[in-house]
PDB file of N, CA and C in Angstrom:
ATOM      1  N   MET A   1     -54.014  31.524-155.806  1.00  0.00           N
ATOM      2  CA  MET A   1     -54.747  32.750-155.908  1.00  0.00           C
ATOM      3  C   MET A   1     -55.991  32.729-155.045  1.00  0.00           C
ATOM      4  N   GLU A   2     -56.456  31.568-154.713  1.00  0.00           N
ATOM      5  CA  GLU A   2     -57.720  31.469-154.005  1.00  0.00           C
ATOM      6  C   GLU A   2     -57.721  32.266-152.708  1.00  0.00           C
ATOM      7  N   GLU A   3     -56.559  32.419-152.092  1.00  0.00           N
ATOM      8  CA  GLU A   3     -56.532  33.175-150.848  1.00  0.00           C
ATOM      9  C   GLU A   3     -56.930  34.640-151.046  1.00  0.00           C
ATOM     10  N   PHE A   4     -56.866  35.128-152.275  1.00  0.00           N
ATOM     11  CA  PHE A   4     -57.235  36.509-152.555  1.00  0.00           C
ATOM     12  C   PHE A   4     -58.661  36.650-153.078  1.00  0.00           C
ATOM     13  N   VAL A   5     -59.190  35.592-153.636  1.00  0.00           N
ATOM     14  CA  VAL A   5     -60.529  35.636-154.206  1.00  0.00           C
ATOM     15  C   VAL A   5     -61.362  34.590-153.488  1.00  0.00           C
ATOM     16  N   ASN A   6     -62.183  35.047-152.582  1.00  0.00           N
ATOM     17  CA  ASN A   6     -62.962  34.133-151.769  1.00  0.00           C
ATOM     18  C   ASN A   6     -64.310  34.776-151.490  1.00  0.00           C
ATOM     19  N   ASP A   7     -65.372  34.081-151.819  1.00  0.00           N
ATOM     20  CA  ASP A   7     -66.714  34.643-151.645  1.00  0.00           C
ATOM     21  C   ASP A   7     -66.979  35.091-150.215  1.00  0.00           C
ATOM     22  N   ARG A   8     -66.415  34.415-149.238  1.00  0.00           N
ATOM     23  CA  ARG A   8     -66.661  34.778-147.848  1.00  0.00           C
ATOM     24  C   ARG A   8     -66.030  36.117-147.483  1.00  0.00           C
ATOM     25  N   ASN A   9     -65.027  36.540-148.217  1.00  0.00           N
ATOM     26  CA  ASN A   9     -64.330  37.790-147.911  1.00  0.00           C
ATOM     27  C   ASN A   9     -64.863  38.981-148.698  1.00  0.00           C
ATOM     28  N   ARG A  10     -65.801  38.742-149.606  1.00  0.00           N
ATOM     29  CA  ARG A  10     -66.342  39.812-150.435  1.00  0.00           C
ATOM     30  C   ARG A  10     -67.643  40.331-149.872  1.00  0.00           C
ATOM     31  N   ALA A  11     -67.809  41.610-149.935  1.00  0.00           N
ATOM     32  CA  ALA A  11     -69.094  42.203-149.536  1.00  0.00           C
ATOM     33  C   ALA A  11     -70.145  41.815-150.571  1.00  0.00           C
ATOM     34  N   ALA A  12     -71.376  41.772-150.159  1.00  0.00           N
ATOM     35  CA  ALA A  12     -72.465  41.400-151.066  1.00  0.00           C
ATOM     36  C   ALA A  12     -72.464  42.318-152.284  1.00  0.00           C
ATOM     37  N   GLY A  13     -72.471  41.733-153.471  1.00  0.00           N
ATOM     38  CA  GLY A  13     -72.518  42.508-154.705  1.00  0.00           C
ATOM     39  C   GLY A  13     -71.182  43.077-155.140  1.00  0.00           C
ATOM     40  N   ASP A  14     -70.139  42.913-154.367  1.00  0.00           N
ATOM     41  CA  ASP A  14     -68.826  43.455-154.701  1.00  0.00           C
ATOM     42  C   ASP A  14     -68.054  42.416-155.514  1.00  0.00           C
ATOM     43  N   ASP A  15     -67.814  42.699-156.776  1.00  0.00           N
ATOM     44  CA  ASP A  15     -67.113  41.777-157.662  1.00  0.00           C
ATOM     45  C   ASP A  15     -66.209  42.601-158.569  1.00  0.00           C
ATOM     46  N   PRO A  16     -65.127  43.120-158.010  1.00  0.00           N
ATOM     47  CA  PRO A  16     -64.299  44.083-158.739  1.00  0.00           C
ATOM     48  C   PRO A  16     -63.475  43.450-159.857  1.00  0.00           C
ATOM     49  N   PRO A  17     -62.960  44.282-160.754  1.00  0.00           N
ATOM     50  CA  PRO A  17     -61.990  43.796-161.733  1.00  0.00           C
ATOM     51  C   PRO A  17     -60.732  43.347-160.988  1.00  0.00           C
ATOM     52  N   VAL A  18     -60.025  42.366-161.551  1.00  0.00           N
ATOM     53  CA  VAL A  18     -58.833  41.845-160.886  1.00  0.00           C
ATOM     54  C   VAL A  18     -57.698  41.626-161.869  1.00  0.00           C
ATOM     55  N   THR A  19     -56.501  41.643-161.309  1.00  0.00           N
ATOM     56  CA  THR A  19     -55.284  41.314-162.025  1.00  0.00           C
ATOM     57  C   THR A  19     -54.566  40.253-161.212  1.00  0.00           C
ATOM     58  N   ALA A  20     -54.126  39.193-161.876  1.00  0.00           N
ATOM     59  CA  ALA A  20     -53.399  38.115-161.208  1.00  0.00           C
ATOM     60  C   ALA A  20     -52.068  37.923-161.924  1.00  0.00           C
ATOM     61  N   VAL A  21     -51.052  37.562-161.175  1.00  0.00           N
ATOM     62  CA  VAL A  21     -49.727  37.334-161.748  1.00  0.00           C
ATOM     63  C   VAL A  21     -49.292  35.905-161.432  1.00  0.00           C
ATOM     64  N   ALA A  22     -48.851  35.196-162.459  1.00  0.00           N
ATOM     65  CA  ALA A  22     -48.309  33.848-162.291  1.00  0.00           C
ATOM     66  C   ALA A  22     -46.847  33.880-162.716  1.00  0.00           C
ATOM     67  N   SER A  23     -45.989  33.182-161.990  1.00  0.00           N
ATOM     68  CA  SER A  23     -44.565  33.103-162.319  1.00  0.00           C
ATOM     69  C   SER A  23     -44.194  31.656-162.572  1.00  0.00           C
ATOM     70  N   ARG A  24     -43.327  31.460-163.544  1.00  0.00           N
ATOM     71  CA  ARG A  24     -42.826  30.120-163.845  1.00  0.00           C
ATOM     72  C   ARG A  24     -41.342  30.225-164.158  1.00  0.00           C
ATOM     73  N   ARG A  25     -40.575  29.334-163.554  1.00  0.00           N
ATOM     74  CA  ARG A  25     -39.147  29.223-163.884  1.00  0.00           C
ATOM     75  C   ARG A  25     -39.017  28.130-164.946  1.00  0.00           C
ATOM     76  N   VAL A  26     -38.305  28.443-166.010  1.00  0.00           N
ATOM     77  CA  VAL A  26     -38.185  27.533-167.147  1.00  0.00           C
ATOM     78  C   VAL A  26     -36.744  27.056-167.249  1.00  0.00           C
ATOM     79  N   LYS A  27     -36.590  25.741-167.367  1.00  0.00           N
ATOM     80  CA  LYS A  27     -35.254  25.157-167.488  1.00  0.00           C
ATOM     81  C   LYS A  27     -34.593  25.640-168.770  1.00  0.00           C
ATOM     82  N   GLN A  28     -33.301  25.887-168.675  1.00  0.00           N
ATOM     83  CA  GLN A  28     -32.543  26.322-169.836  1.00  0.00           C
ATOM     84  C   GLN A  28     -32.677  25.282-170.942  1.00  0.00           C
ATOM     85  N   GLY A  29     -32.934  25.758-172.154  1.00  0.00           N
ATOM     86  CA  GLY A  29     -33.107  24.885-173.296  1.00  0.00           C
ATOM     87  C   GLY A  29     -34.545  24.466-173.539  1.00  0.00           C
ATOM     88  N   ARG A  30     -35.444  24.776-172.612  1.00  0.00           N
ATOM     89  CA  ARG A  30     -36.849  24.390-172.753  1.00  0.00           C
ATOM     90  C   ARG A  30     -37.739  25.609-172.999  1.00  0.00           C
ATOM     91  N   GLU A  31     -37.124  26.745-173.303  1.00  0.00           N
ATOM     92  CA  GLU A  31     -37.873  27.985-173.500  1.00  0.00           C
ATOM     93  C   GLU A  31     -38.877  27.886-174.649  1.00  0.00           C
ATOM     94  N   GLN A  32     -38.484  27.311-175.764  1.00  0.00           N
ATOM     95  CA  GLN A  32     -39.388  27.208-176.911  1.00  0.00           C
ATOM     96  C   GLN A  32     -40.596  26.348-176.567  1.00  0.00           C
ATOM     97  N   GLU A  33     -40.369  25.244-175.887  1.00  0.00           N
ATOM     98  CA  GLU A  33     -41.467  24.369-175.456  1.00  0.00           C
ATOM     99  C   GLU A  33     -42.419  25.121-174.524  1.00  0.00           C
ATOM    100  N   PHE A  34     -41.862  25.912-173.608  1.00  0.00           N
ATOM    101  CA  PHE A  34     -42.694  26.689-172.701  1.00  0.00           C
ATOM    102  C   PHE A  34     -43.476  27.760-173.453  1.00  0.00           C
ATOM    103  N   GLU A  35     -42.826  28.428-174.399  1.00  0.00           N
ATOM    104  CA  GLU A  35     -43.503  29.458-175.190  1.00  0.00           C
ATOM    105  C   GLU A  35     -44.710  28.870-175.935  1.00  0.00           C
ATOM    106  N   GLU A  36     -44.571  27.658-176.450  1.00  0.00           N
ATOM    107  CA  GLU A  36     -45.680  27.007-177.142  1.00  0.00           C
ATOM    108  C   GLU A  36     -46.814  26.692-176.161  1.00  0.00           C
ATOM    109  N   TRP A  37     -46.463  26.178-174.980  1.00  0.00           N
ATOM    110  CA  TRP A  37     -47.461  25.897-173.948  1.00  0.00           C
ATOM    111  C   TRP A  37     -48.160  27.194-173.534  1.00  0.00           C
ATOM    112  N   LEU A  38     -47.375  28.238-173.335  1.00  0.00           N
ATOM    113  CA  LEU A  38     -47.915  29.530-172.920  1.00  0.00           C
ATOM    114  C   LEU A  38     -48.895  30.070-173.958  1.00  0.00           C
ATOM    115  N   SER A  39     -48.546  29.939-175.214  1.00  0.00           N
ATOM    116  CA  SER A  39     -49.441  30.388-176.285  1.00  0.00           C
ATOM    117  C   SER A  39     -50.772  29.649-176.209  1.00  0.00           C
ATOM    118  N   GLY A  40     -50.722  28.367-175.932  1.00  0.00           N
ATOM    119  CA  GLY A  40     -51.936  27.571-175.843  1.00  0.00           C
ATOM    120  C   GLY A  40     -52.814  27.946-174.663  1.00  0.00           C
ATOM    121  N   ILE A  41     -52.208  28.105-173.484  1.00  0.00           N
ATOM    122  CA  ILE A  41     -53.019  28.425-172.312  1.00  0.00           C
ATOM    123  C   ILE A  41     -53.578  29.840-172.401  1.00  0.00           C
ATOM    124  N   LEU A  42     -52.843  30.751-173.032  1.00  0.00           N
ATOM    125  CA  LEU A  42     -53.373  32.102-173.206  1.00  0.00           C
ATOM    126  C   LEU A  42     -54.540  32.105-174.202  1.00  0.00           C
ATOM    127  N   ALA A  43     -54.457  31.274-175.228  1.00  0.00           N
ATOM    128  CA  ALA A  43     -55.585  31.156-176.168  1.00  0.00           C
ATOM    129  C   ALA A  43     -56.803  30.585-175.449  1.00  0.00           C
ATOM    130  N   ALA A  44     -56.591  29.635-174.555  1.00  0.00           N
ATOM    131  CA  ALA A  44     -57.700  29.066-173.786  1.00  0.00           C
ATOM    132  C   ALA A  44     -58.285  30.118-172.846  1.00  0.00           C
ATOM    133  N   ALA A  45     -57.435  30.885-172.194  1.00  0.00           N
ATOM    134  CA  ALA A  45     -57.908  31.938-171.293  1.00  0.00           C
ATOM    135  C   ALA A  45     -58.725  32.965-172.063  1.00  0.00           C
ATOM    136  N   ASN A  46     -58.338  33.219-173.287  1.00  0.00           N
ATOM    137  CA  ASN A  46     -59.040  34.192-174.122  1.00  0.00           C
ATOM    138  C   ASN A  46     -60.512  33.825-174.312  1.00  0.00           C
ATOM    139  N   GLU A  47     -60.847  32.559-174.178  1.00  0.00           N
ATOM    140  CA  GLU A  47     -62.225  32.093-174.326  1.00  0.00           C
ATOM    141  C   GLU A  47     -62.996  32.158-173.004  1.00  0.00           C
ATOM    142  N   ALA A  48     -62.319  32.424-171.911  1.00  0.00           N
ATOM    143  CA  ALA A  48     -62.963  32.440-170.596  1.00  0.00           C
ATOM    144  C   ALA A  48     -63.822  33.699-170.440  1.00  0.00           C
ATOM    145  N   PRO A  49     -64.979  33.560-169.822  1.00  0.00           N
ATOM    146  CA  PRO A  49     -65.830  34.739-169.573  1.00  0.00           C
ATOM    147  C   PRO A  49     -65.090  35.797-168.747  1.00  0.00           C
ATOM    148  N   GLY A  50     -65.173  37.029-169.203  1.00  0.00           N
ATOM    149  CA  GLY A  50     -64.597  38.143-168.460  1.00  0.00           C
ATOM    150  C   GLY A  50     -63.111  38.355-168.632  1.00  0.00           C
ATOM    151  N   TYR A  51     -62.459  37.559-169.464  1.00  0.00           N
ATOM    152  CA  TYR A  51     -61.021  37.700-169.689  1.00  0.00           C
ATOM    153  C   TYR A  51     -60.753  38.983-170.456  1.00  0.00           C
ATOM    154  N   LEU A  52     -59.879  39.813-169.940  1.00  0.00           N
ATOM    155  CA  LEU A  52     -59.582  41.106-170.573  1.00  0.00           C
ATOM    156  C   LEU A  52     -58.236  41.137-171.278  1.00  0.00           C
ATOM    157  N   GLY A  53     -57.392  40.151-171.016  1.00  0.00           N
ATOM    158  CA  GLY A  53     -56.088  40.119-171.661  1.00  0.00           C
ATOM    159  C   GLY A  53     -54.979  39.736-170.721  1.00  0.00           C
ATOM    160  N   SER A  54     -53.805  39.566-171.307  1.00  0.00           N
ATOM    161  CA  SER A  54     -52.612  39.167-170.549  1.00  0.00           C
ATOM    162  C   SER A  54     -51.398  39.890-171.077  1.00  0.00           C
ATOM    163  N   GLU A  55     -50.418  39.978-170.213  1.00  0.00           N
ATOM    164  CA  GLU A  55     -49.098  40.479-170.596  1.00  0.00           C
ATOM    165  C   GLU A  55     -48.099  39.417-170.171  1.00  0.00           C
ATOM    166  N   VAL A  56     -47.104  39.154-171.004  1.00  0.00           N
ATOM    167  CA  VAL A  56     -46.056  38.198-170.667  1.00  0.00           C
ATOM    168  C   VAL A  56     -44.760  38.968-170.465  1.00  0.00           C
ATOM    169  N   LEU A  57     -44.191  38.830-169.290  1.00  0.00           N
ATOM    170  CA  LEU A  57     -42.907  39.442-168.981  1.00  0.00           C
ATOM    171  C   LEU A  57     -41.867  38.335-169.045  1.00  0.00           C
ATOM    172  N   ARG A  58     -41.063  38.369-170.100  1.00  0.00           N
ATOM    173  CA  ARG A  58     -40.090  37.309-170.323  1.00  0.00           C
ATOM    174  C   ARG A  58     -38.804  37.587-169.555  1.00  0.00           C
ATOM    175  N   PRO A  59     -38.007  36.531-169.335  1.00  0.00           N
ATOM    176  CA  PRO A  59     -36.744  36.719-168.612  1.00  0.00           C
ATOM    177  C   PRO A  59     -35.825  37.693-169.342  1.00  0.00           C
ATOM    178  N   SER A  60     -34.960  38.315-168.582  1.00  0.00           N
ATOM    179  CA  SER A  60     -33.958  39.196-169.187  1.00  0.00           C
ATOM    180  C   SER A  60     -32.910  38.332-169.879  1.00  0.00           C
ATOM    181  N   ASP A  61     -31.959  38.961-170.503  1.00  0.00           N
ATOM    182  CA  ASP A  61     -30.896  38.225-171.191  1.00  0.00           C
ATOM    183  C   ASP A  61     -29.864  37.652-170.220  1.00  0.00           C
ATOM    184  N   SER A  62     -29.996  37.947-168.962  1.00  0.00           N
ATOM    185  CA  SER A  62     -29.069  37.447-167.952  1.00  0.00           C
ATOM    186  C   SER A  62     -29.133  35.915-167.880  1.00  0.00           C
ATOM    187  N   GLU A  63     -27.994  35.260-167.757  1.00  0.00           N
ATOM    188  CA  GLU A  63     -27.943  33.800-167.697  1.00  0.00           C
ATOM    189  C   GLU A  63     -28.712  33.229-166.513  1.00  0.00           C
ATOM    190  N   ASP A  64     -28.748  33.945-165.410  1.00  0.00           N
ATOM    191  CA  ASP A  64     -29.385  33.407-164.205  1.00  0.00           C
ATOM    192  C   ASP A  64     -30.867  33.784-164.094  1.00  0.00           C
ATOM    193  N   ASP A  65     -31.408  34.467-165.091  1.00  0.00           N
ATOM    194  CA  ASP A  65     -32.832  34.830-165.067  1.00  0.00           C
ATOM    195  C   ASP A  65     -33.598  33.888-165.980  1.00  0.00           C
ATOM    196  N   ASN A  66     -34.413  33.026-165.387  1.00  0.00           N
ATOM    197  CA  ASN A  66     -35.208  32.085-166.164  1.00  0.00           C
ATOM    198  C   ASN A  66     -36.691  32.167-165.800  1.00  0.00           C
ATOM    199  N   GLU A  67     -37.089  33.296-165.205  1.00  0.00           N
ATOM    200  CA  GLU A  67     -38.459  33.425-164.721  1.00  0.00           C
ATOM    201  C   GLU A  67     -39.340  34.215-165.677  1.00  0.00           C
ATOM    202  N   TYR A  68     -40.445  33.571-166.057  1.00  0.00           N
ATOM    203  CA  TYR A  68     -41.500  34.219-166.840  1.00  0.00           C
ATOM    204  C   TYR A  68     -42.563  34.679-165.864  1.00  0.00           C
ATOM    205  N   ARG A  69     -43.139  35.837-166.125  1.00  0.00           N
ATOM    206  CA  ARG A  69     -44.259  36.338-165.333  1.00  0.00           C
ATOM    207  C   ARG A  69     -45.400  36.626-166.304  1.00  0.00           C
ATOM    208  N   VAL A  70     -46.575  36.133-165.954  1.00  0.00           N
ATOM    209  CA  VAL A  70     -47.742  36.331-166.810  1.00  0.00           C
ATOM    210  C   VAL A  70     -48.796  37.069-166.001  1.00  0.00           C
ATOM    211  N   VAL A  71     -49.236  38.196-166.526  1.00  0.00           N
ATOM    212  CA  VAL A  71     -50.239  39.025-165.871  1.00  0.00           C
ATOM    213  C   VAL A  71     -51.568  38.780-166.574  1.00  0.00           C
ATOM    214  N   PHE A  72     -52.548  38.299-165.812  1.00  0.00           N
ATOM    215  CA  PHE A  72     -53.890  38.042-166.329  1.00  0.00           C
ATOM    216  C   PHE A  72     -54.830  39.122-165.807  1.00  0.00           C
ATOM    217  N   ARG A  73     -55.727  39.613-166.653  1.00  0.00           N
ATOM    218  CA  ARG A  73     -56.737  40.586-166.226  1.00  0.00           C
ATOM    219  C   ARG A  73     -58.126  40.048-166.520  1.00  0.00           C
ATOM    220  N   PHE A  74     -59.014  40.174-165.526  1.00  0.00           N
ATOM    221  CA  PHE A  74     -60.408  39.760-165.668  1.00  0.00           C
ATOM    222  C   PHE A  74     -61.312  40.891-165.217  1.00  0.00           C
ATOM    223  N   ASP A  75     -62.492  40.959-165.812  1.00  0.00           N
ATOM    224  CA  ASP A  75     -63.434  42.024-165.490  1.00  0.00           C
ATOM    225  C   ASP A  75     -64.008  41.907-164.078  1.00  0.00           C
ATOM    226  N   HIS A  76     -64.065  40.680-163.550  1.00  0.00           N
ATOM    227  CA  HIS A  76     -64.606  40.462-162.205  1.00  0.00           C
ATOM    228  C   HIS A  76     -63.813  39.358-161.509  1.00  0.00           C
ATOM    229  N   ALA A  77     -63.687  39.479-160.213  1.00  0.00           N
ATOM    230  CA  ALA A  77     -63.000  38.466-159.411  1.00  0.00           C
ATOM    231  C   ALA A  77     -63.654  37.094-159.586  1.00  0.00           C
ATOM    232  N   SER A  78     -64.962  37.077-159.695  1.00  0.00           N
ATOM    233  CA  SER A  78     -65.665  35.797-159.850  1.00  0.00           C
ATOM    234  C   SER A  78     -65.282  35.110-161.160  1.00  0.00           C
ATOM    235  N   ASN A  79     -65.006  35.873-162.217  1.00  0.00           N
ATOM    236  CA  ASN A  79     -64.596  35.271-163.484  1.00  0.00           C
ATOM    237  C   ASN A  79     -63.176  34.720-163.399  1.00  0.00           C
ATOM    238  N   LEU A  80     -62.289  35.406-162.686  1.00  0.00           N
ATOM    239  CA  LEU A  80     -60.945  34.862-162.454  1.00  0.00           C
ATOM    240  C   LEU A  80     -61.060  33.556-161.678  1.00  0.00           C
ATOM    241  N   HIS A  81     -61.866  33.559-160.650  1.00  0.00           N
ATOM    242  CA  HIS A  81     -62.053  32.367-159.831  1.00  0.00           C
ATOM    243  C   HIS A  81     -62.592  31.214-160.686  1.00  0.00           C
ATOM    244  N   ALA A  82     -63.549  31.506-161.563  1.00  0.00           N
ATOM    245  CA  ALA A  82     -64.108  30.481-162.447  1.00  0.00           C
ATOM    246  C   ALA A  82     -63.030  29.934-163.385  1.00  0.00           C
ATOM    247  N   TRP A  83     -62.199  30.812-163.935  1.00  0.00           N
ATOM    248  CA  TRP A  83     -61.111  30.371-164.818  1.00  0.00           C
ATOM    249  C   TRP A  83     -60.128  29.500-164.054  1.00  0.00           C
ATOM    250  N   GLU A  84     -59.754  29.915-162.866  1.00  0.00           N
ATOM    251  CA  GLU A  84     -58.785  29.140-162.079  1.00  0.00           C
ATOM    252  C   GLU A  84     -59.304  27.746-161.753  1.00  0.00           C
ATOM    253  N   ASN A  85     -60.600  27.584-161.643  1.00  0.00           N
ATOM    254  CA  ASN A  85     -61.193  26.295-161.303  1.00  0.00           C
ATOM    255  C   ASN A  85     -61.747  25.551-162.514  1.00  0.00           C
ATOM    256  N   SER A  86     -61.520  26.089-163.701  1.00  0.00           N
ATOM    257  CA  SER A  86     -62.083  25.476-164.905  1.00  0.00           C
ATOM    258  C   SER A  86     -61.332  24.201-165.304  1.00  0.00           C
ATOM    259  N   LYS A  87     -62.070  23.306-165.940  1.00  0.00           N
ATOM    260  CA  LYS A  87     -61.466  22.070-166.445  1.00  0.00           C
ATOM    261  C   LYS A  87     -60.436  22.376-167.531  1.00  0.00           C
ATOM    262  N   GLU A  88     -60.712  23.391-168.341  1.00  0.00           N
ATOM    263  CA  GLU A  88     -59.780  23.764-169.415  1.00  0.00           C
ATOM    264  C   GLU A  88     -58.430  24.181-168.843  1.00  0.00           C
ATOM    265  N   ARG A  89     -58.443  25.031-167.837  1.00  0.00           N
ATOM    266  CA  ARG A  89     -57.180  25.454-167.210  1.00  0.00           C
ATOM    267  C   ARG A  89     -56.468  24.265-166.577  1.00  0.00           C
ATOM    268  N   GLN A  90     -57.214  23.403-165.919  1.00  0.00           N
ATOM    269  CA  GLN A  90     -56.607  22.220-165.295  1.00  0.00           C
ATOM    270  C   GLN A  90     -55.929  21.338-166.343  1.00  0.00           C
ATOM    271  N   ARG A  91     -56.558  21.210-167.519  1.00  0.00           N
ATOM    272  CA  ARG A  91     -55.935  20.418-168.603  1.00  0.00           C
ATOM    273  C   ARG A  91     -54.597  21.019-169.012  1.00  0.00           C
ATOM    274  N   TRP A  92     -54.556  22.333-169.132  1.00  0.00           N
ATOM    275  CA  TRP A  92     -53.311  22.987-169.526  1.00  0.00           C
ATOM    276  C   TRP A  92     -52.246  22.862-168.452  1.00  0.00           C
ATOM    277  N   LEU A  93     -52.636  22.952-167.208  1.00  0.00           N
ATOM    278  CA  LEU A  93     -51.658  22.827-166.127  1.00  0.00           C
ATOM    279  C   LEU A  93     -51.059  21.426-166.078  1.00  0.00           C
ATOM    280  N   ARG A  94     -51.840  20.419-166.422  1.00  0.00           N
ATOM    281  CA  ARG A  94     -51.305  19.044-166.452  1.00  0.00           C
ATOM    282  C   ARG A  94     -50.280  18.879-167.566  1.00  0.00           C
ATOM    283  N   LYS A  95     -50.384  19.687-168.609  1.00  0.00           N
ATOM    284  CA  LYS A  95     -49.439  19.609-169.725  1.00  0.00           C
ATOM    285  C   LYS A  95     -48.108  20.288-169.413  1.00  0.00           C
ATOM    286  N   ALA A  96     -48.106  21.132-168.408  1.00  0.00           N
ATOM    287  CA  ALA A  96     -46.896  21.908-168.085  1.00  0.00           C
ATOM    288  C   ALA A  96     -45.796  21.036-167.522  1.00  0.00           C
TER     289      ALA A  96
END
């Protein structure tokens, strides 16, 4: 995401609201484990400054669809950037 949120590319004082999308492919049979991990990282994100919420788009019932999409919303680009670089998020990513 960093390529989209970069202080050098922002005009002075411009810190708009942002939406970010993350995708993860989950191995068949590991969906419950992923759902538990997802619940945890979303709870952690909920504590981040400027976090406005998330939507989870789960795979369809199709056998070949195993992709989860998670939409994160933050009040300011700088808060998304802070969350992406936070130690808490890094801890959750290591658990994935």
